[in-house]
Amino acid sequence: MIKLNYSAFILLLVFSLSFQGSGFSQEIKSIAFGSCNKHDLPQPLWKPILADQPDVFVWLGDNVYGDTHDMKLLESKYKAQNAITKYQELKSKTKIIGVWDDHDYGINDGGKFYTQKEPSMQLMLDFLDEPKDSPRRKQRGVYAAYEYGSGEESVKVFLLDARYNRDTLYREEGVYLPNNEGSILGEEQWLWLEKELKSSTAKVNIIASGIQFIPTEHPYEKWENFPQEREKLFDLIHQTGIKNPVLISGDRHIAEISKLQDSRFKNGLYEITSSGMTHVWRSFREEYNPYRVGGLIASLHYGLAYFDWANQKAIFQIKGEKGQVYLEQTIELSN
């Protein structure tokens, strides 16, 4: 009988899942993205998103508000979202991909000890029309990678699951304490991510998470709650040498652009946070973010990435109900 230790088994599993999530298309011109979407509130943003004609739409979490251990109730909310006429129209024209955050996962600020995470994961994948025989349904988490375009006009999107394997966080006086030993992604997902980053030949690499990567100062959920994990991710992005990495995130009920610039990212690593498709931070007050570029938006919005291949630029925008641009960041594409 052949015996495998746990690490070898995980590595084998990661390689067996390496083909999952392929989404090649002839060309890629734009990707829309957003989060924090209540199925029973007005959804005015589908109209301007449709007008932008994105090739791909990325859900960044809180795609519905489940917050339940009742999977029948969660399923009904996904069905209600799928019944929205304008969303149906988008699905008919645009590739829909995505990852979850806490409210569609099923429990506020939840992690790996949520008892319904396995059936909840299947409902999430049903919502995304993932095939029943997809390897994604057999792994521990909803993470995936998708590739669009080809050659010098290509984009790879990495969807990170910051819920299914995430260790526990504790609060003190309303503020999360740092967990210096725990993990956000878990061993299997880290191995998968390293492999996918190393193998990427895409011109632009977009890494998505339900919670923010770069900001450190606010008291809510963020990668900084697991500081070693945050640094591990940034080190991995740097060490694998992927071209033109960009981060996108949700969760916060605001929009902002953050920029990390250090010895690893001399030209800066940008993060575009888009969070508030049906509701935003109504009691908004200015908050400190030393990495912020531009303003902080507390109006309904979505994100749009437009790829100007002829001029070697990627333009990331935060846009409102009438298609107006609230924030814009142009990133020069390098080799």
Protein backbone atom coordinates (compact mmCIF):
# COMPACT_ATOMS: atom_id res chain seq x y z
CA MET A 1 0.00 0.00 0.00
CA ILE A 2 1.32 3.47 -0.95
CA LYS A 3 1.39 5.95 1.89
CA LEU A 4 1.36 9.73 1.40
CA ASN A 5 1.95 12.26 4.14
CA TYR A 6 -0.50 15.12 4.47
CA SER A 7 1.62 17.71 2.63
CA ALA A 8 2.20 15.36 -0.29
CA PHE A 9 -1.51 14.63 -0.48
CA ILE A 10 -2.36 18.33 -0.52
CA LEU A 11 0.21 18.99 -3.23
CA LEU A 12 -1.24 16.18 -5.31
CA LEU A 13 -4.71 17.60 -4.85
CA VAL A 14 -3.59 21.08 -5.87
CA PHE A 15 -2.06 19.76 -9.08
CA SER A 16 -5.16 17.73 -9.83
CA LEU A 17 -7.22 20.93 -9.63
CA SER A 18 -4.85 22.98 -11.75
CA PHE A 19 -7.10 22.95 -14.80
CA GLN A 20 -10.17 24.26 -12.99
CA GLY A 21 -11.40 27.75 -13.72
CA SER A 22 -10.02 28.16 -17.26
CA GLY A 23 -12.00 30.84 -19.06
CA PHE A 24 -10.11 31.62 -22.26
CA SER A 25 -11.73 34.02 -24.74
CA GLN A 26 -10.52 35.54 -27.98
CA GLU A 27 -10.05 38.97 -26.47
CA ILE A 28 -10.59 40.85 -23.22
CA LYS A 29 -11.36 44.56 -23.18
CA SER A 30 -13.05 45.20 -19.83
CA ILE A 31 -13.97 43.63 -16.50
CA ALA A 32 -16.64 44.99 -14.15
CA PHE A 33 -16.74 44.13 -10.45
CA GLY A 34 -18.71 44.88 -7.29
CA SER A 35 -19.90 43.68 -3.89
CA CYS A 36 -22.40 44.25 -1.09
CA ASN A 37 -25.63 43.51 -2.93
CA LYS A 38 -28.94 42.87 -1.16
CA HIS A 39 -31.36 40.83 -3.25
CA ASP A 40 -34.41 42.67 -1.84
CA LEU A 41 -33.20 46.24 -2.37
CA PRO A 42 -33.36 48.30 -5.60
CA GLN A 43 -30.46 47.43 -7.91
CA PRO A 44 -29.90 50.45 -10.19
CA LEU A 45 -26.33 49.60 -11.17
CA TRP A 46 -27.05 46.80 -13.63
CA LYS A 47 -28.17 49.39 -16.19
CA PRO A 48 -24.84 51.30 -16.34
CA ILE A 49 -22.90 48.03 -16.09
CA LEU A 50 -24.78 46.72 -19.12
CA ALA A 51 -24.04 49.97 -20.93
CA ASP A 52 -20.30 49.39 -20.34
CA GLN A 53 -20.57 45.97 -22.03
CA PRO A 54 -17.96 44.24 -19.86
CA ASP A 55 -16.58 40.91 -21.04
CA VAL A 56 -16.54 39.65 -17.45
CA PHE A 57 -18.30 40.59 -14.21
CA VAL A 58 -16.66 39.62 -10.89
CA TRP A 59 -18.67 39.26 -7.69
CA LEU A 60 -16.45 40.29 -4.74
CA GLY A 61 -18.62 38.99 -1.93
CA ASP A 62 -21.81 39.72 0.01
CA ASN A 63 -23.46 38.91 -3.30
CA VAL A 64 -26.65 38.26 -1.34
CA TYR A 65 -27.23 38.69 2.38
CA GLY A 66 -27.80 35.21 3.75
CA ASP A 67 -26.66 35.42 7.38
CA THR A 68 -28.29 32.12 8.25
CA HIS A 69 -27.74 28.47 9.08
CA ASP A 70 -30.92 27.66 7.10
CA MET A 71 -29.75 26.57 3.65
CA LYS A 72 -33.29 26.68 2.23
CA LEU A 73 -33.47 30.35 3.16
CA LEU A 74 -30.04 31.04 1.66
CA GLU A 75 -31.05 29.23 -1.52
CA SER A 76 -34.21 31.34 -1.80
CA LYS A 77 -32.12 34.51 -1.63
CA TYR A 78 -29.84 33.36 -4.42
CA LYS A 79 -32.91 32.51 -6.50
CA ALA A 80 -34.35 35.97 -5.83
CA GLN A 81 -31.12 37.57 -7.05
CA ASN A 82 -31.08 35.42 -10.16
CA ALA A 83 -34.64 36.55 -10.92
CA ILE A 84 -33.64 40.23 -11.21
CA THR A 85 -34.39 41.13 -14.85
CA LYS A 86 -31.34 43.30 -15.50
CA TYR A 87 -29.07 40.78 -13.81
CA GLN A 88 -30.51 38.06 -16.06
CA GLU A 89 -29.70 40.28 -19.04
CA LEU A 90 -26.11 40.67 -17.85
CA LYS A 91 -25.80 36.90 -17.43
CA SER A 92 -26.93 36.40 -21.01
CA LYS A 93 -24.18 38.67 -22.34
CA THR A 94 -21.30 38.53 -19.89
CA LYS A 95 -19.22 35.86 -18.18
CA ILE A 96 -20.04 35.91 -14.44
CA ILE A 97 -17.43 34.75 -11.94
CA GLY A 98 -16.95 35.45 -8.27
CA VAL A 99 -16.01 34.72 -4.71
CA TRP A 100 -17.92 35.17 -1.46
CA ASP A 101 -17.52 37.17 1.74
CA ASP A 102 -19.16 36.70 5.12
CA HIS A 103 -22.84 37.50 4.50
CA ASP A 104 -23.25 35.17 1.54
CA TYR A 105 -20.97 32.66 3.27
CA GLY A 106 -23.65 32.58 5.92
CA ILE A 107 -22.39 34.22 9.11
CA ASN A 108 -21.13 37.72 9.87
CA ASP A 109 -17.32 37.85 10.03
CA GLY A 110 -17.32 34.05 9.88
CA GLY A 111 -14.40 31.69 9.39
CA LYS A 112 -13.62 27.99 9.20
CA PHE A 113 -15.83 26.93 12.11
CA TYR A 114 -19.11 27.91 10.42
CA THR A 115 -21.03 24.63 10.51
CA GLN A 116 -22.86 25.09 7.19
CA LYS A 117 -19.85 26.04 5.06
CA GLU A 118 -19.97 22.93 2.86
CA PRO A 119 -23.64 23.17 1.77
CA SER A 120 -23.29 26.96 1.57
CA MET A 121 -20.37 26.50 -0.82
CA GLN A 122 -22.48 24.34 -3.13
CA LEU A 123 -25.23 26.98 -3.18
CA MET A 124 -22.67 29.67 -4.02
CA LEU A 125 -21.38 27.57 -6.92
CA ASP A 126 -24.94 26.90 -8.07
CA PHE A 127 -25.48 30.66 -8.13
CA LEU A 128 -22.40 31.01 -10.35
CA ASP A 129 -23.67 28.20 -12.63
CA GLU A 130 -20.63 26.08 -11.86
CA PRO A 131 -21.02 22.64 -13.52
CA LYS A 132 -22.04 19.83 -11.19
CA ASP A 133 -18.91 17.86 -12.08
CA SER A 134 -16.55 20.83 -11.63
CA PRO A 135 -13.39 20.12 -9.57
CA ARG A 136 -14.17 23.42 -7.83
CA ARG A 137 -17.02 21.63 -6.02
CA LYS A 138 -14.63 19.11 -4.49
CA GLN A 139 -12.02 21.47 -3.03
CA ARG A 140 -12.00 23.21 0.36
CA GLY A 141 -13.18 26.67 -0.62
CA VAL A 142 -14.56 28.59 -3.60
CA TYR A 143 -11.18 29.88 -4.83
CA ALA A 144 -10.47 29.77 -8.57
CA ALA A 145 -8.40 31.29 -11.39
CA TYR A 146 -9.64 32.37 -14.82
CA GLU A 147 -7.68 33.43 -17.89
CA TYR A 148 -8.94 35.68 -20.69
CA GLY A 149 -7.37 36.82 -23.93
CA SER A 150 -3.97 35.70 -25.15
CA GLY A 151 -0.35 36.76 -25.39
CA GLU A 152 0.27 40.44 -24.73
CA GLU A 153 -3.48 41.07 -24.44
CA SER A 154 -4.30 38.67 -21.63
CA VAL A 155 -5.67 38.88 -18.09
CA LYS A 156 -5.67 36.29 -15.32
CA VAL A 157 -8.11 36.70 -12.43
CA PHE A 158 -7.37 34.98 -9.11
CA LEU A 159 -10.34 34.62 -6.75
CA LEU A 160 -9.24 34.06 -3.14
CA ASP A 161 -11.51 32.51 -0.53
CA ALA A 162 -10.94 34.35 2.77
CA ARG A 163 -13.69 32.46 4.64
CA TYR A 164 -13.70 28.68 4.31
CA ASN A 165 -10.25 28.07 5.85
CA ARG A 166 -9.82 31.26 7.86
CA ASP A 167 -8.80 30.97 11.49
CA THR A 168 -10.62 32.72 14.31
CA LEU A 169 -10.35 36.41 15.11
CA TYR A 170 -11.01 37.89 18.54
CA ARG A 171 -12.20 41.36 19.45
CA GLU A 172 -11.29 43.66 22.30
CA GLU A 173 -13.31 46.84 22.78
CA GLY A 174 -14.75 46.50 19.28
CA VAL A 175 -11.37 46.13 17.56
CA TYR A 176 -10.00 42.90 16.09
CA LEU A 177 -6.82 41.67 17.70
CA PRO A 178 -4.03 40.57 15.34
CA ASN A 179 -3.75 36.83 14.83
CA ASN A 180 -0.05 36.25 14.21
CA GLU A 181 -0.25 32.47 14.01
CA GLY A 182 -3.47 31.82 12.10
CA SER A 183 -4.15 31.51 8.39
CA ILE A 184 -6.62 33.18 6.03
CA LEU A 185 -6.29 30.85 3.05
CA GLY A 186 -5.24 27.52 4.54
CA GLU A 187 -2.44 25.25 3.29
CA GLU A 188 -4.24 23.81 0.27
CA GLN A 189 -5.22 27.23 -1.09
CA TRP A 190 -1.75 28.68 -0.51
CA LEU A 191 -0.18 25.84 -2.52
CA TRP A 192 -2.72 26.36 -5.28
CA LEU A 193 -2.11 30.12 -5.35
CA GLU A 194 1.67 29.75 -5.52
CA LYS A 195 1.35 27.31 -8.42
CA GLU A 196 -1.11 29.54 -10.29
CA LEU A 197 1.01 32.66 -9.82
CA LYS A 198 4.20 30.91 -10.93
CA SER A 199 2.54 29.56 -14.06
CA SER A 200 0.88 32.83 -15.08
CA THR A 201 1.98 34.34 -18.38
CA ALA A 202 -0.80 36.96 -18.39
CA LYS A 203 -0.04 40.61 -19.12
CA VAL A 204 -2.29 41.70 -16.22
CA ASN A 205 -2.89 39.66 -13.06
CA ILE A 206 -5.91 40.65 -10.96
CA ILE A 207 -6.11 39.19 -7.44
CA ALA A 208 -9.51 39.42 -5.74
CA SER A 209 -10.59 39.00 -2.11
CA GLY A 210 -13.76 39.79 -0.20
CA ILE A 211 -11.77 41.75 2.41
CA GLN A 212 -9.20 44.50 1.90
CA PHE A 213 -5.52 43.66 1.35
CA ILE A 214 -3.57 46.90 1.82
CA PRO A 215 -5.33 49.15 4.40
CA THR A 216 -4.13 48.68 7.97
CA GLU A 217 -5.77 51.33 10.16
CA HIS A 218 -9.53 50.72 10.20
CA PRO A 219 -11.01 48.45 12.92
CA TYR A 220 -12.90 46.09 10.60
CA GLU A 221 -11.97 42.84 8.86
CA LYS A 222 -8.88 43.04 6.64
CA TRP A 223 -5.79 41.05 5.72
CA GLU A 224 -3.84 43.06 8.30
CA ASN A 225 -5.73 41.11 11.02
CA PHE A 226 -3.39 38.28 9.98
CA PRO A 227 -0.19 40.31 9.45
CA GLN A 228 2.00 37.32 8.57
CA GLU A 229 -0.51 36.21 5.93
CA ARG A 230 -0.62 39.71 4.45
CA GLU A 231 3.16 39.85 4.14
CA LYS A 232 3.26 36.29 2.81
CA LEU A 233 0.89 37.31 0.01
CA PHE A 234 2.84 40.42 -0.93
CA ASP A 235 6.12 38.44 -0.84
CA LEU A 236 4.59 35.76 -3.07
CA ILE A 237 3.35 38.31 -5.61
CA HIS A 238 6.84 39.83 -5.69
CA GLN A 239 8.81 36.58 -5.77
CA THR A 240 6.76 34.94 -8.53
CA GLY A 241 7.37 37.96 -10.75
CA ILE A 242 3.88 38.10 -12.24
CA LYS A 243 3.31 40.96 -14.66
CA ASN A 244 1.27 43.98 -13.59
CA PRO A 245 -0.47 42.68 -10.44
CA VAL A 246 -3.57 44.58 -9.28
CA LEU A 247 -5.72 43.85 -6.22
CA ILE A 248 -9.51 44.22 -6.04
CA SER A 249 -11.66 43.87 -2.91
CA GLY A 250 -15.10 44.54 -1.40
CA ASP A 251 -16.75 44.38 2.05
CA ARG A 252 -16.41 47.98 3.26
CA HIS A 253 -19.55 49.72 1.88
CA ILE A 254 -17.24 52.36 0.44
CA ALA A 255 -14.92 52.70 -2.54
CA GLU A 256 -11.29 53.72 -2.43
CA ILE A 257 -7.98 53.15 -4.20
CA SER A 258 -4.93 52.18 -2.14
CA LYS A 259 -1.28 52.02 -3.22
CA LEU A 260 1.50 50.05 -1.52
CA GLN A 261 4.97 51.22 -2.56
CA ASP A 262 8.09 49.62 -1.10
CA SER A 263 11.22 47.75 -2.17
CA ARG A 264 9.08 44.93 -3.58
CA PHE A 265 6.77 47.20 -5.55
CA LYS A 266 8.81 50.17 -6.70
CA ASN A 267 6.11 51.36 -9.08
CA GLY A 268 3.39 50.64 -6.54
CA LEU A 269 0.89 47.83 -6.00
CA TYR A 270 -2.67 49.14 -6.36
CA GLU A 271 -5.86 47.95 -4.72
CA ILE A 272 -9.29 49.03 -5.93
CA THR A 273 -12.04 48.51 -3.33
CA SER A 274 -15.58 48.49 -4.73
CA SER A 275 -18.26 47.88 -2.12
CA GLY A 276 -21.79 49.19 -2.27
CA MET A 277 -24.04 48.03 -5.11
CA THR A 278 -27.30 48.41 -3.18
CA HIS A 279 -26.28 50.15 0.04
CA VAL A 280 -23.30 52.09 1.36
CA TRP A 281 -21.96 53.51 4.61
CA ARG A 282 -24.73 56.04 5.30
CA SER A 283 -23.21 57.19 8.59
CA PHE A 284 -19.97 57.71 6.72
CA ARG A 285 -17.18 59.60 8.40
CA GLU A 286 -13.70 60.16 7.07
CA GLU A 287 -11.25 57.44 8.10
CA TYR A 288 -7.49 57.33 7.96
CA ASN A 289 -5.83 55.22 5.28
CA PRO A 290 -2.17 56.16 4.69
CA TYR A 291 -2.21 54.18 1.42
CA ARG A 292 -5.25 55.90 -0.10
CA VAL A 293 -4.94 57.55 -3.51
CA GLY A 294 -7.71 60.06 -4.17
CA GLY A 295 -10.97 60.28 -2.27
CA LEU A 296 -13.27 57.94 -0.38
CA ILE A 297 -16.67 57.28 -2.03
CA ALA A 298 -19.84 56.53 -0.05
CA SER A 299 -22.35 56.45 -2.93
CA LEU A 300 -23.69 53.45 -4.82
CA HIS A 301 -20.99 52.29 -7.21
CA TYR A 302 -19.26 49.50 -9.10
CA GLY A 303 -15.77 48.96 -10.44
CA LEU A 304 -14.65 48.79 -14.07
CA ALA A 305 -11.26 47.83 -15.47
CA TYR A 306 -10.65 48.83 -19.07
CA PHE A 307 -7.62 47.51 -20.95
CA ASP A 308 -6.12 49.86 -23.52
CA TRP A 309 -3.80 47.32 -25.13
CA ALA A 310 -2.70 49.65 -27.94
CA ASN A 311 -1.31 52.15 -25.44
CA GLN A 312 -0.26 49.58 -22.83
CA LYS A 313 -2.52 50.89 -20.09
CA ALA A 314 -5.12 49.52 -17.68
CA ILE A 315 -7.67 52.05 -16.46
CA PHE A 316 -9.51 51.20 -13.23
CA GLN A 317 -12.62 53.23 -12.42
CA ILE A 318 -15.24 53.51 -9.71
CA LYS A 319 -18.53 54.42 -11.39
CA GLY A 320 -21.98 55.48 -10.16
CA GLU A 321 -25.66 55.02 -11.04
CA LYS A 322 -25.48 57.18 -14.15
CA GLY A 323 -22.14 55.80 -15.25
CA GLN A 324 -20.31 58.81 -13.80
CA VAL A 325 -16.69 58.26 -12.80
CA TYR A 326 -15.99 58.87 -9.10
CA LEU A 327 -12.40 57.58 -9.04
CA GLU A 328 -9.93 56.62 -11.74
CA GLN A 329 -6.47 55.10 -11.71
CA THR A 330 -4.40 54.54 -14.84
CA ILE A 331 -1.74 51.87 -14.54
CA GLU A 332 1.03 51.78 -17.12
CA LEU A 333 1.61 48.19 -18.17
CA SER A 334 5.22 47.04 -18.00
CA ASN A 335 7.00 43.88 -19.08
